[in-house]
Amino acid sequence: MTLILLPPSEGKTGRSRGRAVDFGSLSFPELNPIREQVLETLAKVSASEDAYGVLGVGASLQAEVDRNTRWRTEPAVPVSELYSGVLYDALGYSTLPAGTKRRAANRLLVVSAAWGALRPGDRVPPYRLSMGTTLPGHGPLAGVWRGPLSTALGHDGVIVDCRSSTYVAAWRPADATKWVSVNVVRERDGVRTVVSHMAKHTRGLVARHLLESGKDPGTPKALHKLVSERWNAELEPAASGWTLTVVERD
């Protein structure tokens, strides 16, 4: 089975009413102890005078920082609806056919600074926290999650990694032979450049294409063939795993 790793987005959609998070219903329950520790510290930091500095945000995001303090009571939102932004707009989860949504339920995985790992059906409250944050008493969050995620996320199929480097630092598969990072470049007059906005959009489209295909490529080369049905794509071995580069030409 193919596993598609997604980063979270800074933009999140909340609700004005509804039930709070139920830890017993979340995927990867073995992560619950560290989830609670991180969230309790996040709430304390968000209520402190140092909140903006620790979280790396400005005062304009005060409402989001304040919401961190209410994570136990804030209405929980399905992960499939929680995240917004360029990648998630391109993925268009709400417009996927019912059968494709069923495939997505156990093939999409969001790596989160607050929750570790989440599947589309998990319900959690909106939060403001980046994997690049260093939380007092915990240290850099990528290091906090590395061990627990390594235990929880064993997978022997192809892993399609659409995450940024900040989130890759939190978990790398022990067996990199089927780990494929998705890179996106723009080519103009033979010169290639990386454009982050376009890269997020294309990664979202790639994730959707893989889900809608109904296929589970068993090797990186089979994945390359599937993605090449729609894009100019190149597969190359990397220092660890593989890199699939999608080339957008002007």
C-alpha atoms as a PDB file:
ATOM      1  CA  MET A   1       0.000   0.000   0.000  1.00  0.00           C
ATOM      2  CA  THR A   2       1.243   3.486  -0.883  1.00  0.00           C
ATOM      3  CA  LEU A   3       1.658   5.983   1.950  1.00  0.00           C
ATOM      4  CA  ILE A   4       1.444   9.690   1.052  1.00  0.00           C
ATOM      5  CA  LEU A   5       3.037  11.998   3.630  1.00  0.00           C
ATOM      6  CA  LEU A   6       1.717  15.556   3.787  1.00  0.00           C
ATOM      7  CA  PRO A   7       2.885  18.553   5.795  1.00  0.00           C
ATOM      8  CA  PRO A   8       0.332  20.467   7.854  1.00  0.00           C
ATOM      9  CA  SER A   9      -0.527  24.004   6.815  1.00  0.00           C
ATOM     10  CA  GLU A  10      -0.360  27.193   8.835  1.00  0.00           C
ATOM     11  CA  GLY A  11      -3.944  27.917   7.821  1.00  0.00           C
ATOM     12  CA  LYS A  12      -6.535  25.887   9.721  1.00  0.00           C
ATOM     13  CA  THR A  13     -10.319  25.870   9.749  1.00  0.00           C
ATOM     14  CA  GLY A  14     -12.040  25.904  13.128  1.00  0.00           C
ATOM     15  CA  ARG A  15     -15.624  25.420  14.249  1.00  0.00           C
ATOM     16  CA  SER A  16     -17.777  27.404  16.645  1.00  0.00           C
ATOM     17  CA  ARG A  17     -19.402  24.333  18.176  1.00  0.00           C
ATOM     18  CA  GLY A  18     -18.866  20.619  18.460  1.00  0.00           C
ATOM     19  CA  ARG A  19     -17.188  17.993  20.599  1.00  0.00           C
ATOM     20  CA  ALA A  20     -13.665  18.383  21.908  1.00  0.00           C
ATOM     21  CA  VAL A  21     -10.860  16.016  20.974  1.00  0.00           C
ATOM     22  CA  ASP A  22     -11.242  12.395  22.061  1.00  0.00           C
ATOM     23  CA  PHE A  23      -7.771  10.909  22.430  1.00  0.00           C
ATOM     24  CA  GLY A  24      -9.177   7.410  22.451  1.00  0.00           C
ATOM     25  CA  SER A  25     -10.432   7.806  18.880  1.00  0.00           C
ATOM     26  CA  LEU A  26      -7.179   9.057  17.330  1.00  0.00           C
ATOM     27  CA  SER A  27      -4.947   6.999  15.068  1.00  0.00           C
ATOM     28  CA  PHE A  28      -1.639   5.854  16.578  1.00  0.00           C
ATOM     29  CA  PRO A  29      -2.845   5.850  20.214  1.00  0.00           C
ATOM     30  CA  GLU A  30       0.705   5.057  21.333  1.00  0.00           C
ATOM     31  CA  LEU A  31       1.495   8.706  20.574  1.00  0.00           C
ATOM     32  CA  ASN A  32      -1.115  10.002  23.045  1.00  0.00           C
ATOM     33  CA  PRO A  33       1.226  10.457  26.049  1.00  0.00           C
ATOM     34  CA  ILE A  34       3.644  12.661  24.103  1.00  0.00           C
ATOM     35  CA  ARG A  35       0.726  14.448  22.416  1.00  0.00           C
ATOM     36  CA  GLU A  36      -0.634  15.475  25.802  1.00  0.00           C
ATOM     37  CA  GLN A  37       2.784  16.567  27.058  1.00  0.00           C
ATOM     38  CA  VAL A  38       3.416  18.733  23.993  1.00  0.00           C
ATOM     39  CA  LEU A  39      -0.071  20.244  24.075  1.00  0.00           C
ATOM     40  CA  GLU A  40       0.083  21.022  27.804  1.00  0.00           C
ATOM     41  CA  THR A  41       3.396  22.822  27.306  1.00  0.00           C
ATOM     42  CA  LEU A  42       2.033  24.599  24.247  1.00  0.00           C
ATOM     43  CA  ALA A  43      -0.913  25.881  26.292  1.00  0.00           C
ATOM     44  CA  LYS A  44       1.401  27.223  29.013  1.00  0.00           C
ATOM     45  CA  VAL A  45       3.716  28.872  26.498  1.00  0.00           C
ATOM     46  CA  SER A  46       0.777  30.411  24.632  1.00  0.00           C
ATOM     47  CA  ALA A  47      -0.448  32.008  27.861  1.00  0.00           C
ATOM     48  CA  SER A  48       2.972  33.454  28.693  1.00  0.00           C
ATOM     49  CA  GLU A  49       4.581  36.794  27.860  1.00  0.00           C
ATOM     50  CA  ASP A  50       7.104  34.974  25.664  1.00  0.00           C
ATOM     51  CA  ALA A  51       4.462  33.303  23.514  1.00  0.00           C
ATOM     52  CA  TYR A  52       5.139  35.169  20.267  1.00  0.00           C
ATOM     53  CA  GLY A  53       8.889  34.721  20.505  1.00  0.00           C
ATOM     54  CA  VAL A  54       8.760  31.009  21.323  1.00  0.00           C
ATOM     55  CA  LEU A  55       6.181  30.247  18.646  1.00  0.00           C
ATOM     56  CA  GLY A  56       7.820  32.513  16.062  1.00  0.00           C
ATOM     57  CA  VAL A  57       4.673  34.476  15.237  1.00  0.00           C
ATOM     58  CA  GLY A  58       3.581  38.095  15.371  1.00  0.00           C
ATOM     59  CA  ALA A  59       0.973  39.812  17.510  1.00  0.00           C
ATOM     60  CA  SER A  60      -1.451  39.747  14.579  1.00  0.00           C
ATOM     61  CA  LEU A  61      -1.929  36.030  15.320  1.00  0.00           C
ATOM     62  CA  GLN A  62      -2.988  36.599  18.918  1.00  0.00           C
ATOM     63  CA  ALA A  63      -6.330  34.851  18.393  1.00  0.00           C
ATOM     64  CA  GLU A  64      -4.599  31.703  17.137  1.00  0.00           C
ATOM     65  CA  VAL A  65      -2.107  31.764  20.009  1.00  0.00           C
ATOM     66  CA  ASP A  66      -4.936  32.207  22.507  1.00  0.00           C
ATOM     67  CA  ARG A  67      -6.746  29.243  20.955  1.00  0.00           C
ATOM     68  CA  ASN A  68      -3.761  27.053  21.841  1.00  0.00           C
ATOM     69  CA  THR A  69      -4.673  27.503  25.500  1.00  0.00           C
ATOM     70  CA  ARG A  70      -8.130  25.990  24.909  1.00  0.00           C
ATOM     71  CA  TRP A  71      -7.121  22.801  23.094  1.00  0.00           C
ATOM     72  CA  ARG A  72      -8.958  20.575  25.584  1.00  0.00           C
ATOM     73  CA  THR A  73     -12.311  22.295  25.010  1.00  0.00           C
ATOM     74  CA  GLU A  74     -12.051  23.737  21.486  1.00  0.00           C
ATOM     75  CA  PRO A  75     -14.321  21.922  18.956  1.00  0.00           C
ATOM     76  CA  ALA A  76     -12.395  19.224  17.109  1.00  0.00           C
ATOM     77  CA  VAL A  77     -12.367  19.196  13.297  1.00  0.00           C
ATOM     78  CA  PRO A  78     -11.740  16.237  10.954  1.00  0.00           C
ATOM     79  CA  VAL A  79      -8.205  16.438   9.594  1.00  0.00           C
ATOM     80  CA  SER A  80      -9.698  16.235   6.095  1.00  0.00           C
ATOM     81  CA  GLU A  81     -11.285  19.649   6.772  1.00  0.00           C
ATOM     82  CA  LEU A  82      -8.788  21.168   9.209  1.00  0.00           C
ATOM     83  CA  TYR A  83      -5.931  22.210   6.946  1.00  0.00           C
ATOM     84  CA  SER A  84      -6.195  24.865   4.248  1.00  0.00           C
ATOM     85  CA  GLY A  85      -3.741  26.506   1.874  1.00  0.00           C
ATOM     86  CA  VAL A  86      -2.187  25.870  -1.517  1.00  0.00           C
ATOM     87  CA  LEU A  87      -1.405  22.156  -1.183  1.00  0.00           C
ATOM     88  CA  TYR A  88      -4.758  21.295   0.364  1.00  0.00           C
ATOM     89  CA  ASP A  89      -6.666  23.371  -2.171  1.00  0.00           C
ATOM     90  CA  ALA A  90      -4.950  21.395  -4.945  1.00  0.00           C
ATOM     91  CA  LEU A  91      -5.670  18.098  -3.206  1.00  0.00           C
ATOM     92  CA  GLY A  92      -9.343  19.101  -2.996  1.00  0.00           C
ATOM     93  CA  TYR A  93     -10.289  16.391  -0.530  1.00  0.00           C
ATOM     94  CA  SER A  94     -13.945  17.471  -0.314  1.00  0.00           C
ATOM     95  CA  THR A  95     -14.359  16.952  -4.071  1.00  0.00           C
ATOM     96  CA  LEU A  96     -12.879  13.450  -4.171  1.00  0.00           C
ATOM     97  CA  PRO A  97     -15.317  10.660  -5.119  1.00  0.00           C
ATOM     98  CA  ALA A  98     -16.491   8.501  -2.211  1.00  0.00           C
ATOM     99  CA  GLY A  99     -14.320   5.557  -3.262  1.00  0.00           C
ATOM    100  CA  THR A 100     -11.241   7.749  -3.475  1.00  0.00           C
ATOM    101  CA  LYS A 101     -11.928   9.127  -0.003  1.00  0.00           C
ATOM    102  CA  ARG A 102     -11.976   5.573   1.306  1.00  0.00           C
ATOM    103  CA  ARG A 103      -8.547   5.020  -0.269  1.00  0.00           C
ATOM    104  CA  ALA A 104      -7.313   8.263   1.255  1.00  0.00           C
ATOM    105  CA  ALA A 105      -8.383   7.199   4.739  1.00  0.00           C
ATOM    106  CA  ASN A 106      -5.356   4.948   5.199  1.00  0.00           C
ATOM    107  CA  ARG A 107      -3.007   6.283   2.527  1.00  0.00           C
ATOM    108  CA  LEU A 108      -2.810   9.970   3.521  1.00  0.00           C
ATOM    109  CA  LEU A 109      -0.831  10.877   6.612  1.00  0.00           C
ATOM    110  CA  VAL A 110      -0.188  14.357   7.999  1.00  0.00           C
ATOM    111  CA  VAL A 111       2.902  14.777  10.185  1.00  0.00           C
ATOM    112  CA  SER A 112       2.061  17.386  12.830  1.00  0.00           C
ATOM    113  CA  ALA A 113       4.128  19.288  15.382  1.00  0.00           C
ATOM    114  CA  ALA A 114       1.303  19.082  17.920  1.00  0.00           C
ATOM    115  CA  TRP A 115      -0.142  15.641  17.212  1.00  0.00           C
ATOM    116  CA  GLY A 116       2.710  13.643  15.701  1.00  0.00           C
ATOM    117  CA  ALA A 117       0.812  11.882  12.931  1.00  0.00           C
ATOM    118  CA  LEU A 118      -2.817  12.123  11.846  1.00  0.00           C
ATOM    119  CA  ARG A 119      -5.074  10.431   9.322  1.00  0.00           C
ATOM    120  CA  PRO A 120      -7.918  12.219   7.451  1.00  0.00           C
ATOM    121  CA  GLY A 121     -10.623  10.885   9.770  1.00  0.00           C
ATOM    122  CA  ASP A 122      -8.947  11.981  12.998  1.00  0.00           C
ATOM    123  CA  ARG A 123     -10.598  14.940  14.722  1.00  0.00           C
ATOM    124  CA  VAL A 124      -8.427  17.533  16.479  1.00  0.00           C
ATOM    125  CA  PRO A 125      -8.783  21.227  17.343  1.00  0.00           C
ATOM    126  CA  PRO A 126      -6.987  23.924  15.333  1.00  0.00           C
ATOM    127  CA  TYR A 127      -3.570  24.855  16.735  1.00  0.00           C
ATOM    128  CA  ARG A 128      -0.620  27.105  16.003  1.00  0.00           C
ATOM    129  CA  LEU A 129       2.684  25.256  16.239  1.00  0.00           C
ATOM    130  CA  SER A 130       5.480  24.543  13.779  1.00  0.00           C
ATOM    131  CA  MET A 131       7.854  21.585  13.792  1.00  0.00           C
ATOM    132  CA  GLY A 132      10.692  24.128  13.774  1.00  0.00           C
ATOM    133  CA  THR A 133       9.695  25.343  17.256  1.00  0.00           C
ATOM    134  CA  THR A 134      11.775  24.682  20.350  1.00  0.00           C
ATOM    135  CA  LEU A 135       9.389  24.185  23.275  1.00  0.00           C
ATOM    136  CA  PRO A 136      10.700  24.875  26.799  1.00  0.00           C
ATOM    137  CA  GLY A 137      11.348  21.624  28.601  1.00  0.00           C
ATOM    138  CA  HIS A 138      11.141  19.599  25.388  1.00  0.00           C
ATOM    139  CA  GLY A 139      13.684  21.052  22.976  1.00  0.00           C
ATOM    140  CA  PRO A 140      13.300  21.109  19.179  1.00  0.00           C
ATOM    141  CA  LEU A 141      10.039  19.392  18.287  1.00  0.00           C
ATOM    142  CA  ALA A 142      11.523  17.381  15.425  1.00  0.00           C
ATOM    143  CA  GLY A 143      13.698  15.653  18.038  1.00  0.00           C
ATOM    144  CA  VAL A 144      10.754  15.173  20.386  1.00  0.00           C
ATOM    145  CA  TRP A 145       8.767  13.281  17.748  1.00  0.00           C
ATOM    146  CA  ARG A 146      11.588  11.356  16.063  1.00  0.00           C
ATOM    147  CA  GLY A 147      11.620   8.370  18.410  1.00  0.00           C
ATOM    148  CA  PRO A 148       7.846   8.007  18.888  1.00  0.00           C
ATOM    149  CA  LEU A 149       7.154   8.332  15.162  1.00  0.00           C
ATOM    150  CA  SER A 150       9.853   5.811  14.298  1.00  0.00           C
ATOM    151  CA  THR A 151       8.043   3.316  16.525  1.00  0.00           C
ATOM    152  CA  ALA A 152       4.528   4.151  15.307  1.00  0.00           C
ATOM    153  CA  LEU A 153       5.040   4.564  11.557  1.00  0.00           C
ATOM    154  CA  GLY A 154       6.485   1.304  10.331  1.00  0.00           C
ATOM    155  CA  HIS A 155       5.590   0.876   6.628  1.00  0.00           C
ATOM    156  CA  ASP A 156       6.836  -1.514   3.959  1.00  0.00           C
ATOM    157  CA  GLY A 157       5.236   0.006   0.848  1.00  0.00           C
ATOM    158  CA  VAL A 158       6.216   2.971  -1.293  1.00  0.00           C
ATOM    159  CA  ILE A 159       6.280   6.236   0.687  1.00  0.00           C
ATOM    160  CA  VAL A 160       5.511   9.383  -1.304  1.00  0.00           C
ATOM    161  CA  ASP A 161       6.888  12.278   0.724  1.00  0.00           C
ATOM    162  CA  CYS A 162       5.371  15.693   0.055  1.00  0.00           C
ATOM    163  CA  ARG A 163       6.689  17.263   3.283  1.00  0.00           C
ATOM    164  CA  SER A 164       9.096  20.153   3.726  1.00  0.00           C
ATOM    165  CA  SER A 165      12.542  19.511   5.221  1.00  0.00           C
ATOM    166  CA  THR A 166      11.389  20.755   8.652  1.00  0.00           C
ATOM    167  CA  TYR A 167       8.915  17.899   8.886  1.00  0.00           C
ATOM    168  CA  VAL A 168      11.184  15.332   7.247  1.00  0.00           C
ATOM    169  CA  ALA A 169      13.492  15.896  10.239  1.00  0.00           C
ATOM    170  CA  ALA A 170      10.812  14.454  12.531  1.00  0.00           C
ATOM    171  CA  TRP A 171      10.627  11.097  10.759  1.00  0.00           C
ATOM    172  CA  ARG A 172      12.548   9.270   8.065  1.00  0.00           C
ATOM    173  CA  PRO A 173      11.690   5.644   7.265  1.00  0.00           C
ATOM    174  CA  ALA A 174      14.241   3.129   8.488  1.00  0.00           C
ATOM    175  CA  ASP A 175      14.166   1.431   5.075  1.00  0.00           C
ATOM    176  CA  ALA A 176      14.741   4.164   2.499  1.00  0.00           C
ATOM    177  CA  THR A 177      14.606   1.916  -0.559  1.00  0.00           C
ATOM    178  CA  LYS A 178      10.963   2.846  -1.205  1.00  0.00           C
ATOM    179  CA  TRP A 179      11.059   6.398   0.181  1.00  0.00           C
ATOM    180  CA  VAL A 180      10.437   8.942  -2.590  1.00  0.00           C
ATOM    181  CA  SER A 181      10.601  12.693  -1.930  1.00  0.00           C
ATOM    182  CA  VAL A 182       8.604  14.818  -4.355  1.00  0.00           C
ATOM    183  CA  ASN A 183      10.475  17.833  -5.711  1.00  0.00           C
ATOM    184  CA  VAL A 184       9.045  20.428  -8.101  1.00  0.00           C
ATOM    185  CA  VAL A 185      10.976  22.764 -10.402  1.00  0.00           C
ATOM    186  CA  ARG A 186      10.048  25.256 -13.079  1.00  0.00           C
ATOM    187  CA  GLU A 187      12.010  25.129 -16.298  1.00  0.00           C
ATOM    188  CA  ARG A 188      12.295  28.169 -18.544  1.00  0.00           C
ATOM    189  CA  ASP A 189      14.738  28.330 -21.444  1.00  0.00           C
ATOM    190  CA  GLY A 190      16.564  25.323 -20.043  1.00  0.00           C
ATOM    191  CA  VAL A 191      17.081  26.924 -16.617  1.00  0.00           C
ATOM    192  CA  ARG A 192      15.426  25.297 -13.606  1.00  0.00           C
ATOM    193  CA  THR A 193      14.290  27.122 -10.482  1.00  0.00           C
ATOM    194  CA  VAL A 194      12.379  26.071  -7.369  1.00  0.00           C
ATOM    195  CA  VAL A 195       9.223  28.040  -6.607  1.00  0.00           C
ATOM    196  CA  SER A 196       7.741  27.122  -3.229  1.00  0.00           C
ATOM    197  CA  HIS A 197       4.171  28.236  -3.972  1.00  0.00           C
ATOM    198  CA  MET A 198       3.996  26.216  -7.175  1.00  0.00           C
ATOM    199  CA  ALA A 199       5.698  23.255  -5.499  1.00  0.00           C
ATOM    200  CA  LYS A 200       2.995  23.045  -2.833  1.00  0.00           C
ATOM    201  CA  HIS A 201       0.283  23.242  -5.479  1.00  0.00           C
ATOM    202  CA  THR A 202       1.858  20.521  -7.617  1.00  0.00           C
ATOM    203  CA  ARG A 203       2.433  18.223  -4.625  1.00  0.00           C
ATOM    204  CA  GLY A 204      -1.261  18.511  -3.818  1.00  0.00           C
ATOM    205  CA  LEU A 205      -2.131  17.591  -7.409  1.00  0.00           C
ATOM    206  CA  VAL A 206       0.280  14.650  -7.336  1.00  0.00           C
ATOM    207  CA  ALA A 207      -1.333  13.339  -4.145  1.00  0.00           C
ATOM    208  CA  ARG A 208      -4.777  13.622  -5.731  1.00  0.00           C
ATOM    209  CA  HIS A 209      -3.622  11.906  -8.921  1.00  0.00           C
ATOM    210  CA  LEU A 210      -2.218   8.967  -6.960  1.00  0.00           C
ATOM    211  CA  LEU A 211      -5.417   8.555  -4.976  1.00  0.00           C
ATOM    212  CA  GLU A 212      -7.676   8.827  -8.013  1.00  0.00           C
ATOM    213  CA  SER A 213      -5.578   6.356  -9.997  1.00  0.00           C
ATOM    214  CA  GLY A 214      -6.728   3.513  -7.776  1.00  0.00           C
ATOM    215  CA  LYS A 215      -3.207   2.074  -7.993  1.00  0.00           C
ATOM    216  CA  ASP A 216      -0.571   1.287  -5.404  1.00  0.00           C
ATOM    217  CA  PRO A 217       2.807   1.318  -7.183  1.00  0.00           C
ATOM    218  CA  GLY A 218       5.050  -1.283  -5.619  1.00  0.00           C
ATOM    219  CA  THR A 219       8.360   0.381  -6.455  1.00  0.00           C
ATOM    220  CA  PRO A 220       9.732   3.908  -6.945  1.00  0.00           C
ATOM    221  CA  LYS A 221      10.011   3.171 -10.674  1.00  0.00           C
ATOM    222  CA  ALA A 222       6.342   2.188 -10.833  1.00  0.00           C
ATOM    223  CA  LEU A 223       5.492   5.416  -9.009  1.00  0.00           C
ATOM    224  CA  HIS A 224       7.534   7.371 -11.548  1.00  0.00           C
ATOM    225  CA  LYS A 225       5.605   5.734 -14.382  1.00  0.00           C
ATOM    226  CA  LEU A 226       2.274   6.600 -12.766  1.00  0.00           C
ATOM    227  CA  VAL A 227       3.185  10.250 -12.146  1.00  0.00           C
ATOM    228  CA  SER A 228       4.610  10.519 -15.682  1.00  0.00           C
ATOM    229  CA  GLU A 229       1.136   9.845 -17.047  1.00  0.00           C
ATOM    230  CA  ARG A 230       0.393  13.488 -16.270  1.00  0.00           C
ATOM    231  CA  TRP A 231       3.670  15.350 -15.735  1.00  0.00           C
ATOM    232  CA  ASN A 232       7.216  15.457 -16.997  1.00  0.00           C
ATOM    233  CA  ALA A 233       8.906  13.657 -14.125  1.00  0.00           C
ATOM    234  CA  GLU A 234      12.399  12.386 -13.365  1.00  0.00           C
ATOM    235  CA  LEU A 235      13.378   9.743 -10.801  1.00  0.00           C
ATOM    236  CA  GLU A 236      16.869   9.770  -9.312  1.00  0.00           C
ATOM    237  CA  PRO A 237      18.507   8.060  -6.333  1.00  0.00           C
ATOM    238  CA  ALA A 238      19.250  10.445  -3.477  1.00  0.00           C
ATOM    239  CA  ALA A 239      21.677  10.217  -0.560  1.00  0.00           C
ATOM    240  CA  SER A 240      18.822   8.478   1.245  1.00  0.00           C
ATOM    241  CA  GLY A 241      15.910   7.153  -0.747  1.00  0.00           C
ATOM    242  CA  TRP A 242      14.802   8.614  -4.068  1.00  0.00           C
ATOM    243  CA  THR A 243      13.833  11.999  -5.482  1.00  0.00           C
ATOM    244  CA  LEU A 244      10.965  12.337  -7.925  1.00  0.00           C
ATOM    245  CA  THR A 245      11.280  15.708  -9.650  1.00  0.00           C
ATOM    246  CA  VAL A 246       8.204  17.086 -11.394  1.00  0.00           C
ATOM    247  CA  VAL A 247       9.260  19.545 -14.098  1.00  0.00           C
ATOM    248  CA  GLU A 248       6.818  22.342 -14.893  1.00  0.00           C
ATOM    249  CA  ARG A 249       7.783  23.974 -18.182  1.00  0.00           C
ATOM    250  CA  ASP A 250       6.695  27.479 -19.183  1.00  0.00           C
END
